[in-house]
Amino acid sequence: WSITLPLISPVIFFNLILSVIGLMRYFEV
């Protein structure tokens, strides 16, 4: 909680942005 999550938060943020964009263009399935 105090080391891993803060230090990978940029990666989480990157995945979050991609996920939101992917959900807004959700079509194929």
mmCIF file of all heavy atoms, coordinates in Angstrom:
data_MODEL
# 
_entry.id   MODEL 
# 
loop_
_atom_site.group_PDB 
_atom_site.id 
_atom_site.type_symbol 
_atom_site.label_atom_id 
_atom_site.label_alt_id 
_atom_site.label_comp_id 
_atom_site.label_asym_id 
_atom_site.label_entity_id 
_atom_site.label_seq_id 
_atom_site.pdbx_PDB_ins_code 
_atom_site.Cartn_x 
_atom_site.Cartn_y 
_atom_site.Cartn_z 
_atom_site.occupancy 
_atom_site.B_iso_or_equiv 
_atom_site.pdbx_formal_charge 
_atom_site.auth_seq_id 
_atom_site.auth_comp_id 
_atom_site.auth_asym_id 
_atom_site.auth_atom_id 
_atom_site.pdbx_PDB_model_num 
ATOM 1   N N   . TRP A 1 1  ? 0.811   -1.215 0.000   1.00 0.00 ? 1  TRP A N   1 
ATOM 2   C CA  . TRP A 1 1  ? 0.000   0.000  0.000   1.00 0.00 ? 1  TRP A CA  1 
ATOM 3   C C   . TRP A 1 1  ? 0.852   1.276  0.000   1.00 0.00 ? 1  TRP A C   1 
ATOM 4   O O   . TRP A 1 1  ? 0.508   2.267  -0.659  1.00 0.00 ? 1  TRP A O   1 
ATOM 5   C CB  . TRP A 1 1  ? -0.916  -0.004 1.221   1.00 0.00 ? 1  TRP A CB  1 
ATOM 6   C CG  . TRP A 1 1  ? -1.863  1.160  1.270   1.00 0.00 ? 1  TRP A CG  1 
ATOM 7   C CD1 . TRP A 1 1  ? -1.714  2.321  1.974   1.00 0.00 ? 1  TRP A CD1 1 
ATOM 8   C CD2 . TRP A 1 1  ? -3.086  1.289  0.555   1.00 0.00 ? 1  TRP A CD2 1 
ATOM 9   N NE1 . TRP A 1 1  ? -2.779  3.159  1.764   1.00 0.00 ? 1  TRP A NE1 1 
ATOM 10  C CE2 . TRP A 1 1  ? -3.653  2.541  0.884   1.00 0.00 ? 1  TRP A CE2 1 
ATOM 11  C CE3 . TRP A 1 1  ? -3.781  0.459  -0.323  1.00 0.00 ? 1  TRP A CE3 1 
ATOM 12  C CZ2 . TRP A 1 1  ? -4.854  2.985  0.365   1.00 0.00 ? 1  TRP A CZ2 1 
ATOM 13  C CZ3 . TRP A 1 1  ? -4.984  0.894  -0.845  1.00 0.00 ? 1  TRP A CZ3 1 
ATOM 14  C CH2 . TRP A 1 1  ? -5.508  2.145  -0.501  1.00 0.00 ? 1  TRP A CH2 1 
ATOM 15  N N   . SER A 1 2  ? 1.964   1.254  0.723   1.00 0.00 ? 2  SER A N   1 
ATOM 16  C CA  . SER A 1 2  ? 2.757   2.474  0.902   1.00 0.00 ? 2  SER A CA  1 
ATOM 17  C C   . SER A 1 2  ? 3.933   2.590  -0.050  1.00 0.00 ? 2  SER A C   1 
ATOM 18  O O   . SER A 1 2  ? 4.481   3.686  -0.208  1.00 0.00 ? 2  SER A O   1 
ATOM 19  C CB  . SER A 1 2  ? 3.286   2.534  2.344   1.00 0.00 ? 2  SER A CB  1 
ATOM 20  O OG  . SER A 1 2  ? 2.215   2.565  3.274   1.00 0.00 ? 2  SER A OG  1 
ATOM 21  N N   . ILE A 1 3  ? 4.333   1.479  -0.685  1.00 0.00 ? 3  ILE A N   1 
ATOM 22  C CA  . ILE A 1 3  ? 5.486   1.529  -1.584  1.00 0.00 ? 3  ILE A CA  1 
ATOM 23  C C   . ILE A 1 3  ? 5.091   1.175  -3.013  1.00 0.00 ? 3  ILE A C   1 
ATOM 24  O O   . ILE A 1 3  ? 5.301   1.964  -3.943  1.00 0.00 ? 3  ILE A O   1 
ATOM 25  C CB  . ILE A 1 3  ? 6.609   0.583  -1.088  1.00 0.00 ? 3  ILE A CB  1 
ATOM 26  C CG1 . ILE A 1 3  ? 7.089   1.011  0.294   1.00 0.00 ? 3  ILE A CG1 1 
ATOM 27  C CG2 . ILE A 1 3  ? 7.764   0.565  -2.079  1.00 0.00 ? 3  ILE A CG2 1 
ATOM 28  C CD1 . ILE A 1 3  ? 8.110   0.077  0.906   1.00 0.00 ? 3  ILE A CD1 1 
ATOM 29  N N   . THR A 1 4  ? 4.503   -0.007 -3.179  1.00 0.00 ? 4  THR A N   1 
ATOM 30  C CA  . THR A 1 4  ? 4.219   -0.487 -4.533  1.00 0.00 ? 4  THR A CA  1 
ATOM 31  C C   . THR A 1 4  ? 3.212   0.402  -5.250  1.00 0.00 ? 4  THR A C   1 
ATOM 32  O O   . THR A 1 4  ? 3.471   0.875  -6.367  1.00 0.00 ? 4  THR A O   1 
ATOM 33  C CB  . THR A 1 4  ? 3.704   -1.933 -4.493  1.00 0.00 ? 4  THR A CB  1 
ATOM 34  O OG1 . THR A 1 4  ? 4.647   -2.751 -3.798  1.00 0.00 ? 4  THR A OG1 1 
ATOM 35  C CG2 . THR A 1 4  ? 3.507   -2.465 -5.908  1.00 0.00 ? 4  THR A CG2 1 
ATOM 36  N N   . LEU A 1 5  ? 2.060   0.627  -4.622  1.00 0.00 ? 5  LEU A N   1 
ATOM 37  C CA  . LEU A 1 5  ? 1.016   1.403  -5.298  1.00 0.00 ? 5  LEU A CA  1 
ATOM 38  C C   . LEU A 1 5  ? 1.462   2.827  -5.642  1.00 0.00 ? 5  LEU A C   1 
ATOM 39  O O   . LEU A 1 5  ? 1.238   3.275  -6.777  1.00 0.00 ? 5  LEU A O   1 
ATOM 40  C CB  . LEU A 1 5  ? -0.253  1.425  -4.444  1.00 0.00 ? 5  LEU A CB  1 
ATOM 41  C CG  . LEU A 1 5  ? -1.122  0.162  -4.491  1.00 0.00 ? 5  LEU A CG  1 
ATOM 42  C CD1 . LEU A 1 5  ? -2.376  0.342  -3.642  1.00 0.00 ? 5  LEU A CD1 1 
ATOM 43  C CD2 . LEU A 1 5  ? -1.502  -0.188 -5.922  1.00 0.00 ? 5  LEU A CD2 1 
ATOM 44  N N   . PRO A 1 6  ? 2.079   3.570  -4.718  1.00 0.00 ? 6  PRO A N   1 
ATOM 45  C CA  . PRO A 1 6  ? 2.516   4.921  -5.118  1.00 0.00 ? 6  PRO A CA  1 
ATOM 46  C C   . PRO A 1 6  ? 3.529   4.914  -6.253  1.00 0.00 ? 6  PRO A C   1 
ATOM 47  O O   . PRO A 1 6  ? 3.466   5.765  -7.146  1.00 0.00 ? 6  PRO A O   1 
ATOM 48  C CB  . PRO A 1 6  ? 3.125   5.484  -3.827  1.00 0.00 ? 6  PRO A CB  1 
ATOM 49  C CG  . PRO A 1 6  ? 2.485   4.713  -2.735  1.00 0.00 ? 6  PRO A CG  1 
ATOM 50  C CD  . PRO A 1 6  ? 2.277   3.329  -3.277  1.00 0.00 ? 6  PRO A CD  1 
ATOM 51  N N   . LEU A 1 7  ? 4.461   3.952  -6.240  1.00 0.00 ? 7  LEU A N   1 
ATOM 52  C CA  . LEU A 1 7  ? 5.519   3.972  -7.245  1.00 0.00 ? 7  LEU A CA  1 
ATOM 53  C C   . LEU A 1 7  ? 5.058   3.459  -8.608  1.00 0.00 ? 7  LEU A C   1 
ATOM 54  O O   . LEU A 1 7  ? 5.688   3.750  -9.621  1.00 0.00 ? 7  LEU A O   1 
ATOM 55  C CB  . LEU A 1 7  ? 6.721   3.154  -6.750  1.00 0.00 ? 7  LEU A CB  1 
ATOM 56  C CG  . LEU A 1 7  ? 7.481   3.798  -5.587  1.00 0.00 ? 7  LEU A CG  1 
ATOM 57  C CD1 . LEU A 1 7  ? 8.637   2.916  -5.147  1.00 0.00 ? 7  LEU A CD1 1 
ATOM 58  C CD2 . LEU A 1 7  ? 7.998   5.179  -5.966  1.00 0.00 ? 7  LEU A CD2 1 
ATOM 59  N N   . ILE A 1 8  ? 3.969   2.692  -8.637  1.00 0.00 ? 8  ILE A N   1 
ATOM 60  C CA  . ILE A 1 8  ? 3.429   2.262  -9.937  1.00 0.00 ? 8  ILE A CA  1 
ATOM 61  C C   . ILE A 1 8  ? 2.204   3.086  -10.319 1.00 0.00 ? 8  ILE A C   1 
ATOM 62  O O   . ILE A 1 8  ? 1.527   2.757  -11.302 1.00 0.00 ? 8  ILE A O   1 
ATOM 63  C CB  . ILE A 1 8  ? 3.079   0.758  -9.952  1.00 0.00 ? 8  ILE A CB  1 
ATOM 64  C CG1 . ILE A 1 8  ? 1.886   0.462  -9.029  1.00 0.00 ? 8  ILE A CG1 1 
ATOM 65  C CG2 . ILE A 1 8  ? 4.265   -0.108 -9.602  1.00 0.00 ? 8  ILE A CG2 1 
ATOM 66  C CD1 . ILE A 1 8  ? 1.300   -0.927 -9.214  1.00 0.00 ? 8  ILE A CD1 1 
ATOM 67  N N   . SER A 1 9  ? 1.914   4.146  -9.571  1.00 0.00 ? 9  SER A N   1 
ATOM 68  C CA  . SER A 1 9  ? 0.739   4.963  -9.884  1.00 0.00 ? 9  SER A CA  1 
ATOM 69  C C   . SER A 1 9  ? 0.794   5.560  -11.288 1.00 0.00 ? 9  SER A C   1 
ATOM 70  O O   . SER A 1 9  ? -0.257  5.683  -11.932 1.00 0.00 ? 9  SER A O   1 
ATOM 71  C CB  . SER A 1 9  ? 0.551   6.062  -8.831  1.00 0.00 ? 9  SER A CB  1 
ATOM 72  O OG  . SER A 1 9  ? 1.709   6.867  -8.731  1.00 0.00 ? 9  SER A OG  1 
ATOM 73  N N   . PRO A 1 10 ? 1.980   5.936  -11.837 1.00 0.00 ? 10 PRO A N   1 
ATOM 74  C CA  . PRO A 1 10 ? 1.979   6.393  -13.242 1.00 0.00 ? 10 PRO A CA  1 
ATOM 75  C C   . PRO A 1 10 ? 1.523   5.307  -14.207 1.00 0.00 ? 10 PRO A C   1 
ATOM 76  O O   . PRO A 1 10 ? 0.851   5.600  -15.202 1.00 0.00 ? 10 PRO A O   1 
ATOM 77  C CB  . PRO A 1 10 ? 3.440   6.779  -13.485 1.00 0.00 ? 10 PRO A CB  1 
ATOM 78  C CG  . PRO A 1 10 ? 3.976   7.102  -12.139 1.00 0.00 ? 10 PRO A CG  1 
ATOM 79  C CD  . PRO A 1 10 ? 3.293   6.154  -11.206 1.00 0.00 ? 10 PRO A CD  1 
ATOM 80  N N   . VAL A 1 11 ? 1.894   4.059  -13.922 1.00 0.00 ? 11 VAL A N   1 
ATOM 81  C CA  . VAL A 1 11 ? 1.455   2.950  -14.769 1.00 0.00 ? 11 VAL A CA  1 
ATOM 82  C C   . VAL A 1 11 ? -0.048  2.752  -14.633 1.00 0.00 ? 11 VAL A C   1 
ATOM 83  O O   . VAL A 1 11 ? -0.749  2.522  -15.625 1.00 0.00 ? 11 VAL A O   1 
ATOM 84  C CB  . VAL A 1 11 ? 2.214   1.658  -14.395 1.00 0.00 ? 11 VAL A CB  1 
ATOM 85  C CG1 . VAL A 1 11 ? 1.678   0.470  -15.179 1.00 0.00 ? 11 VAL A CG1 1 
ATOM 86  C CG2 . VAL A 1 11 ? 3.702   1.836  -14.640 1.00 0.00 ? 11 VAL A CG2 1 
ATOM 87  N N   . ILE A 1 12 ? -0.555  2.829  -13.409 1.00 0.00 ? 12 ILE A N   1 
ATOM 88  C CA  . ILE A 1 12 ? -1.996  2.701  -13.183 1.00 0.00 ? 12 ILE A CA  1 
ATOM 89  C C   . ILE A 1 12 ? -2.739  3.818  -13.907 1.00 0.00 ? 12 ILE A C   1 
ATOM 90  O O   . ILE A 1 12 ? -3.786  3.588  -14.524 1.00 0.00 ? 12 ILE A O   1 
ATOM 91  C CB  . ILE A 1 12 ? -2.309  2.723  -11.668 1.00 0.00 ? 12 ILE A CB  1 
ATOM 92  C CG1 . ILE A 1 12 ? -1.652  1.525  -10.976 1.00 0.00 ? 12 ILE A CG1 1 
ATOM 93  C CG2 . ILE A 1 12 ? -3.812  2.726  -11.429 1.00 0.00 ? 12 ILE A CG2 1 
ATOM 94  C CD1 . ILE A 1 12 ? -1.789  1.552  -9.465  1.00 0.00 ? 12 ILE A CD1 1 
ATOM 95  N N   . PHE A 1 13 ? -2.205  5.012  -13.845 1.00 0.00 ? 13 PHE A N   1 
ATOM 96  C CA  . PHE A 1 13 ? -2.819  6.150  -14.523 1.00 0.00 ? 13 PHE A CA  1 
ATOM 97  C C   . PHE A 1 13 ? -2.842  5.936  -16.036 1.00 0.00 ? 13 PHE A C   1 
ATOM 98  O O   . PHE A 1 13 ? -3.839  6.221  -16.699 1.00 0.00 ? 13 PHE A O   1 
ATOM 99  C CB  . PHE A 1 13 ? -2.053  7.423  -14.168 1.00 0.00 ? 13 PHE A CB  1 
ATOM 100 C CG  . PHE A 1 13 ? -2.577  8.661  -14.821 1.00 0.00 ? 13 PHE A CG  1 
ATOM 101 C CD1 . PHE A 1 13 ? -3.833  9.143  -14.517 1.00 0.00 ? 13 PHE A CD1 1 
ATOM 102 C CD2 . PHE A 1 13 ? -1.801  9.358  -15.747 1.00 0.00 ? 13 PHE A CD2 1 
ATOM 103 C CE1 . PHE A 1 13 ? -4.317  10.297 -15.121 1.00 0.00 ? 13 PHE A CE1 1 
ATOM 104 C CE2 . PHE A 1 13 ? -2.279  10.496 -16.353 1.00 0.00 ? 13 PHE A CE2 1 
ATOM 105 C CZ  . PHE A 1 13 ? -3.539  10.969 -16.042 1.00 0.00 ? 13 PHE A CZ  1 
ATOM 106 N N   . PHE A 1 14 ? -1.748  5.434  -16.571 1.00 0.00 ? 14 PHE A N   1 
ATOM 107 C CA  . PHE A 1 14 ? -1.671  5.139  -18.003 1.00 0.00 ? 14 PHE A CA  1 
ATOM 108 C C   . PHE A 1 14 ? -2.728  4.106  -18.402 1.00 0.00 ? 14 PHE A C   1 
ATOM 109 O O   . PHE A 1 14 ? -3.459  4.286  -19.386 1.00 0.00 ? 14 PHE A O   1 
ATOM 110 C CB  . PHE A 1 14 ? -0.269  4.638  -18.344 1.00 0.00 ? 14 PHE A CB  1 
ATOM 111 C CG  . PHE A 1 14 ? -0.102  4.187  -19.766 1.00 0.00 ? 14 PHE A CG  1 
ATOM 112 C CD1 . PHE A 1 14 ? 0.012   5.108  -20.794 1.00 0.00 ? 14 PHE A CD1 1 
ATOM 113 C CD2 . PHE A 1 14 ? -0.064  2.835  -20.079 1.00 0.00 ? 14 PHE A CD2 1 
ATOM 114 C CE1 . PHE A 1 14 ? 0.164   4.691  -22.112 1.00 0.00 ? 14 PHE A CE1 1 
ATOM 115 C CE2 . PHE A 1 14 ? 0.086   2.413  -21.387 1.00 0.00 ? 14 PHE A CE2 1 
ATOM 116 C CZ  . PHE A 1 14 ? 0.203   3.339  -22.402 1.00 0.00 ? 14 PHE A CZ  1 
ATOM 117 N N   . ASN A 1 15 ? -2.836  3.024  -17.639 1.00 0.00 ? 15 ASN A N   1 
ATOM 118 C CA  . ASN A 1 15 ? -3.844  2.003  -17.928 1.00 0.00 ? 15 ASN A CA  1 
ATOM 119 C C   . ASN A 1 15 ? -5.259  2.551  -17.774 1.00 0.00 ? 15 ASN A C   1 
ATOM 120 O O   . ASN A 1 15 ? -6.172  2.171  -18.526 1.00 0.00 ? 15 ASN A O   1 
ATOM 121 C CB  . ASN A 1 15 ? -3.662  0.794  -17.005 1.00 0.00 ? 15 ASN A CB  1 
ATOM 122 C CG  . ASN A 1 15 ? -2.466  -0.050 -17.388 1.00 0.00 ? 15 ASN A CG  1 
ATOM 123 O OD1 . ASN A 1 15 ? -2.058  -0.086 -18.547 1.00 0.00 ? 15 ASN A OD1 1 
ATOM 124 N ND2 . ASN A 1 15 ? -1.894  -0.749 -16.418 1.00 0.00 ? 15 ASN A ND2 1 
ATOM 125 N N   . LEU A 1 16 ? -5.443  3.447  -16.812 1.00 0.00 ? 16 LEU A N   1 
ATOM 126 C CA  . LEU A 1 16 ? -6.767  4.039  -16.596 1.00 0.00 ? 16 LEU A CA  1 
ATOM 127 C C   . LEU A 1 16 ? -7.187  4.884  -17.791 1.00 0.00 ? 16 LEU A C   1 
ATOM 128 O O   . LEU A 1 16 ? -8.338  4.802  -18.248 1.00 0.00 ? 16 LEU A O   1 
ATOM 129 C CB  . LEU A 1 16 ? -6.753  4.875  -15.317 1.00 0.00 ? 16 LEU A CB  1 
ATOM 130 C CG  . LEU A 1 16 ? -8.055  5.587  -14.951 1.00 0.00 ? 16 LEU A CG  1 
ATOM 131 C CD1 . LEU A 1 16 ? -9.177  4.580  -14.727 1.00 0.00 ? 16 LEU A CD1 1 
ATOM 132 C CD2 . LEU A 1 16 ? -7.862  6.449  -13.702 1.00 0.00 ? 16 LEU A CD2 1 
ATOM 133 N N   . ILE A 1 17 ? -6.276  5.686  -18.299 1.00 0.00 ? 17 ILE A N   1 
ATOM 134 C CA  . ILE A 1 17 ? -6.584  6.519  -19.472 1.00 0.00 ? 17 ILE A CA  1 
ATOM 135 C C   . ILE A 1 17 ? -6.952  5.636  -20.658 1.00 0.00 ? 17 ILE A C   1 
ATOM 136 O O   . ILE A 1 17 ? -7.960  5.868  -21.355 1.00 0.00 ? 17 ILE A O   1 
ATOM 137 C CB  . ILE A 1 17 ? -5.394  7.425  -19.822 1.00 0.00 ? 17 ILE A CB  1 
ATOM 138 C CG1 . ILE A 1 17 ? -5.160  8.472  -18.732 1.00 0.00 ? 17 ILE A CG1 1 
ATOM 139 C CG2 . ILE A 1 17 ? -5.619  8.110  -21.173 1.00 0.00 ? 17 ILE A CG2 1 
ATOM 140 C CD1 . ILE A 1 17 ? -6.252  9.490  -18.613 1.00 0.00 ? 17 ILE A CD1 1 
ATOM 141 N N   . LEU A 1 18 ? -6.149  4.604  -20.908 1.00 0.00 ? 18 LEU A N   1 
ATOM 142 C CA  . LEU A 1 18 ? -6.436  3.709  -22.027 1.00 0.00 ? 18 LEU A CA  1 
ATOM 143 C C   . LEU A 1 18 ? -7.757  2.990  -21.834 1.00 0.00 ? 18 LEU A C   1 
ATOM 144 O O   . LEU A 1 18 ? -8.508  2.776  -22.798 1.00 0.00 ? 18 LEU A O   1 
ATOM 145 C CB  . LEU A 1 18 ? -5.297  2.688  -22.182 1.00 0.00 ? 18 LEU A CB  1 
ATOM 146 C CG  . LEU A 1 18 ? -3.941  3.219  -22.647 1.00 0.00 ? 18 LEU A CG  1 
ATOM 147 C CD1 . LEU A 1 18 ? -2.978  2.067  -22.858 1.00 0.00 ? 18 LEU A CD1 1 
ATOM 148 C CD2 . LEU A 1 18 ? -4.075  4.036  -23.932 1.00 0.00 ? 18 LEU A CD2 1 
ATOM 149 N N   . SER A 1 19 ? -8.070  2.605  -20.598 1.00 0.00 ? 19 SER A N   1 
ATOM 150 C CA  . SER A 1 19 ? -9.322  1.892  -20.332 1.00 0.00 ? 19 SER A CA  1 
ATOM 151 C C   . SER A 1 19 ? -10.532 2.782  -20.567 1.00 0.00 ? 19 SER A C   1 
ATOM 152 O O   . SER A 1 19 ? -11.529 2.346  -21.146 1.00 0.00 ? 19 SER A O   1 
ATOM 153 C CB  . SER A 1 19 ? -9.321  1.364  -18.886 1.00 0.00 ? 19 SER A CB  1 
ATOM 154 O OG  . SER A 1 19 ? -8.281  0.440  -18.677 1.00 0.00 ? 19 SER A OG  1 
ATOM 155 N N   . VAL A 1 20 ? -10.463 4.029  -20.112 1.00 0.00 ? 20 VAL A N   1 
ATOM 156 C CA  . VAL A 1 20 ? -11.582 4.962  -20.305 1.00 0.00 ? 20 VAL A CA  1 
ATOM 157 C C   . VAL A 1 20 ? -11.810 5.215  -21.789 1.00 0.00 ? 20 VAL A C   1 
ATOM 158 O O   . VAL A 1 20 ? -12.955 5.184  -22.275 1.00 0.00 ? 20 VAL A O   1 
ATOM 159 C CB  . VAL A 1 20 ? -11.315 6.275  -19.549 1.00 0.00 ? 20 VAL A CB  1 
ATOM 160 C CG1 . VAL A 1 20 ? -12.323 7.337  -19.953 1.00 0.00 ? 20 VAL A CG1 1 
ATOM 161 C CG2 . VAL A 1 20 ? -11.369 6.045  -18.047 1.00 0.00 ? 20 VAL A CG2 1 
ATOM 162 N N   . ILE A 1 21 ? -10.728 5.448  -22.524 1.00 0.00 ? 21 ILE A N   1 
ATOM 163 C CA  . ILE A 1 21 ? -10.866 5.670  -23.968 1.00 0.00 ? 21 ILE A CA  1 
ATOM 164 C C   . ILE A 1 21 ? -11.407 4.415  -24.643 1.00 0.00 ? 21 ILE A C   1 
ATOM 165 O O   . ILE A 1 21 ? -12.278 4.490  -25.518 1.00 0.00 ? 21 ILE A O   1 
ATOM 166 C CB  . ILE A 1 21 ? -9.513  6.076  -24.572 1.00 0.00 ? 21 ILE A CB  1 
ATOM 167 C CG1 . ILE A 1 21 ? -9.076  7.436  -24.015 1.00 0.00 ? 21 ILE A CG1 1 
ATOM 168 C CG2 . ILE A 1 21 ? -9.588  6.129  -26.095 1.00 0.00 ? 21 ILE A CG2 1 
ATOM 169 C CD1 . ILE A 1 21 ? -7.700  7.855  -24.447 1.00 0.00 ? 21 ILE A CD1 1 
ATOM 170 N N   . GLY A 1 22 ? -10.915 3.240  -24.231 1.00 0.00 ? 22 GLY A N   1 
ATOM 171 C CA  . GLY A 1 22 ? -11.398 1.994  -24.809 1.00 0.00 ? 22 GLY A CA  1 
ATOM 172 C C   . GLY A 1 22 ? -12.870 1.755  -24.534 1.00 0.00 ? 22 GLY A C   1 
ATOM 173 O O   . GLY A 1 22 ? -13.606 1.261  -25.404 1.00 0.00 ? 22 GLY A O   1 
ATOM 174 N N   . LEU A 1 23 ? -13.336 2.097  -23.340 1.00 0.00 ? 23 LEU A N   1 
ATOM 175 C CA  . LEU A 1 23 ? -14.748 1.910  -23.008 1.00 0.00 ? 23 LEU A CA  1 
ATOM 176 C C   . LEU A 1 23 ? -15.636 2.877  -23.789 1.00 0.00 ? 23 LEU A C   1 
ATOM 177 O O   . LEU A 1 23 ? -16.749 2.527  -24.184 1.00 0.00 ? 23 LEU A O   1 
ATOM 178 C CB  . LEU A 1 23 ? -14.963 2.095  -21.505 1.00 0.00 ? 23 LEU A CB  1 
ATOM 179 C CG  . LEU A 1 23 ? -14.469 0.945  -20.630 1.00 0.00 ? 23 LEU A CG  1 
ATOM 180 C CD1 . LEU A 1 23 ? -14.454 1.347  -19.166 1.00 0.00 ? 23 LEU A CD1 1 
ATOM 181 C CD2 . LEU A 1 23 ? -15.336 -0.296 -20.829 1.00 0.00 ? 23 LEU A CD2 1 
ATOM 182 N N   . MET A 1 24 ? -15.146 4.096  -24.015 1.00 0.00 ? 24 MET A N   1 
ATOM 183 C CA  . MET A 1 24 ? -15.939 5.046  -24.770 1.00 0.00 ? 24 MET A CA  1 
ATOM 184 C C   . MET A 1 24 ? -16.041 4.662  -26.249 1.00 0.00 ? 24 MET A C   1 
ATOM 185 O O   . MET A 1 24 ? -16.973 5.091  -26.938 1.00 0.00 ? 24 MET A O   1 
ATOM 186 C CB  . MET A 1 24 ? -15.356 6.458  -24.630 1.00 0.00 ? 24 MET A CB  1 
ATOM 187 C CG  . MET A 1 24 ? -15.473 7.043  -23.237 1.00 0.00 ? 24 MET A CG  1 
ATOM 188 S SD  . MET A 1 24 ? -17.156 7.011  -22.576 1.00 0.00 ? 24 MET A SD  1 
ATOM 189 C CE  . MET A 1 24 ? -18.033 7.994  -23.778 1.00 0.00 ? 24 MET A CE  1 
ATOM 190 N N   . ARG A 1 25 ? -15.098 3.866  -26.738 1.00 0.00 ? 25 ARG A N   1 
ATOM 191 C CA  . ARG A 1 25 ? -15.161 3.409  -28.135 1.00 0.00 ? 25 ARG A CA  1 
ATOM 192 C C   . ARG A 1 25 ? -15.512 1.912  -28.212 1.00 0.00 ? 25 ARG A C   1 
ATOM 193 O O   . ARG A 1 25 ? -15.219 1.263  -29.209 1.00 0.00 ? 25 ARG A O   1 
ATOM 194 C CB  . ARG A 1 25 ? -13.827 3.672  -28.834 1.00 0.00 ? 25 ARG A CB  1 
ATOM 195 C CG  . ARG A 1 25 ? -12.622 3.059  -28.153 1.00 0.00 ? 25 ARG A CG  1 
ATOM 196 C CD  . ARG A 1 25 ? -11.357 3.275  -28.967 1.00 0.00 ? 25 ARG A CD  1 
ATOM 197 N NE  . ARG A 1 25 ? -11.403 2.518  -30.197 1.00 0.00 ? 25 ARG A NE  1 
ATOM 198 C CZ  . ARG A 1 25 ? -11.046 1.243  -30.311 1.00 0.00 ? 25 ARG A CZ  1 
ATOM 199 N NH1 . ARG A 1 25 ? -10.627 0.571  -29.244 1.00 0.00 ? 25 ARG A NH1 1 
ATOM 200 N NH2 . ARG A 1 25 ? -11.103 0.642  -31.470 1.00 0.00 ? 25 ARG A NH2 1 
ATOM 201 N N   . TYR A 1 26 ? -16.145 1.408  -27.169 1.00 0.00 ? 26 TYR A N   1 
ATOM 202 C CA  . TYR A 1 26 ? -16.483 -0.018 -27.100 1.00 0.00 ? 26 TYR A CA  1 
ATOM 203 C C   . TYR A 1 26 ? -17.500 -0.356 -28.188 1.00 0.00 ? 26 TYR A C   1 
ATOM 204 O O   . TYR A 1 26 ? -18.594 0.190  -28.231 1.00 0.00 ? 26 TYR A O   1 
ATOM 205 C CB  . TYR A 1 26 ? -17.066 -0.325 -25.723 1.00 0.00 ? 26 TYR A CB  1 
ATOM 206 C CG  . TYR A 1 26 ? -17.200 -1.795 -25.404 1.00 0.00 ? 26 TYR A CG  1 
ATOM 207 C CD1 . TYR A 1 26 ? -16.071 -2.610 -25.308 1.00 0.00 ? 26 TYR A CD1 1 
ATOM 208 C CD2 . TYR A 1 26 ? -18.443 -2.367 -25.178 1.00 0.00 ? 26 TYR A CD2 1 
ATOM 209 C CE1 . TYR A 1 26 ? -16.186 -3.947 -25.003 1.00 0.00 ? 26 TYR A CE1 1 
ATOM 210 C CE2 . TYR A 1 26 ? -18.565 -3.702 -24.866 1.00 0.00 ? 26 TYR A CE2 1 
ATOM 211 C CZ  . TYR A 1 26 ? -17.433 -4.488 -24.782 1.00 0.00 ? 26 TYR A CZ  1 
ATOM 212 O OH  . TYR A 1 26 ? -17.557 -5.832 -24.476 1.00 0.00 ? 26 TYR A OH  1 
ATOM 213 N N   . PHE A 1 27 ? -17.119 -1.265 -29.075 1.00 0.00 ? 27 PHE A N   1 
ATOM 214 C CA  . PHE A 1 27 ? -17.959 -1.538 -30.234 1.00 0.00 ? 27 PHE A CA  1 
ATOM 215 C C   . PHE A 1 27 ? -17.874 -2.980 -30.716 1.00 0.00 ? 27 PHE A C   1 
ATOM 216 O O   . PHE A 1 27 ? -18.891 -3.635 -30.936 1.00 0.00 ? 27 PHE A O   1 
ATOM 217 C CB  . PHE A 1 27 ? -17.555 -0.595 -31.381 1.00 0.00 ? 27 PHE A CB  1 
ATOM 218 C CG  . PHE A 1 27 ? -18.207 -0.914 -32.695 1.00 0.00 ? 27 PHE A CG  1 
ATOM 219 C CD1 . PHE A 1 27 ? -19.523 -0.562 -32.938 1.00 0.00 ? 27 PHE A CD1 1 
ATOM 220 C CD2 . PHE A 1 27 ? -17.507 -1.576 -33.701 1.00 0.00 ? 27 PHE A CD2 1 
ATOM 221 C CE1 . PHE A 1 27 ? -20.135 -0.867 -34.155 1.00 0.00 ? 27 PHE A CE1 1 
ATOM 222 C CE2 . PHE A 1 27 ? -18.098 -1.882 -34.912 1.00 0.00 ? 27 PHE A CE2 1 
ATOM 223 C CZ  . PHE A 1 27 ? -19.419 -1.517 -35.141 1.00 0.00 ? 27 PHE A CZ  1 
ATOM 224 N N   . GLU A 1 28 ? -16.670 -3.509 -30.875 1.00 0.00 ? 28 GLU A N   1 
ATOM 225 C CA  . GLU A 1 28 ? -16.488 -4.759 -31.601 1.00 0.00 ? 28 GLU A CA  1 
ATOM 226 C C   . GLU A 1 28 ? -17.248 -5.920 -30.968 1.00 0.00 ? 28 GLU A C   1 
ATOM 227 O O   . GLU A 1 28 ? -17.955 -6.658 -31.664 1.00 0.00 ? 28 GLU A O   1 
ATOM 228 C CB  . GLU A 1 28 ? -14.997 -5.115 -31.703 1.00 0.00 ? 28 GLU A CB  1 
ATOM 229 C CG  . GLU A 1 28 ? -14.189 -4.169 -32.561 1.00 0.00 ? 28 GLU A CG  1 
ATOM 230 C CD  . GLU A 1 28 ? -13.594 -3.031 -31.762 1.00 0.00 ? 28 GLU A CD  1 
ATOM 231 O OE1 . GLU A 1 28 ? -14.034 -2.842 -30.607 1.00 0.00 ? 28 GLU A OE1 1 
ATOM 232 O OE2 . GLU A 1 28 ? -12.709 -2.327 -32.290 1.00 0.00 ? 28 GLU A OE2 1 
ATOM 233 N N   . VAL A 1 29 ? -17.090 -6.098 -29.652 1.00 0.00 ? 29 VAL A N   1 
ATOM 234 C CA  . VAL A 1 29 ? -17.659 -7.283 -29.002 1.00 0.00 ? 29 VAL A CA  1 
ATOM 235 C C   . VAL A 1 29 ? -19.182 -7.307 -29.088 1.00 0.00 ? 29 VAL A C   1 
ATOM 236 O O   . VAL A 1 29 ? -19.759 -8.298 -29.550 1.00 0.00 ? 29 VAL A O   1 
ATOM 237 C CB  . VAL A 1 29 ? -17.175 -7.374 -27.539 1.00 0.00 ? 29 VAL A CB  1 
ATOM 238 C CG1 . VAL A 1 29 ? -17.853 -8.548 -26.831 1.00 0.00 ? 29 VAL A CG1 1 
ATOM 239 C CG2 . VAL A 1 29 ? -15.663 -7.546 -27.490 1.00 0.00 ? 29 VAL A CG2 1 
# 
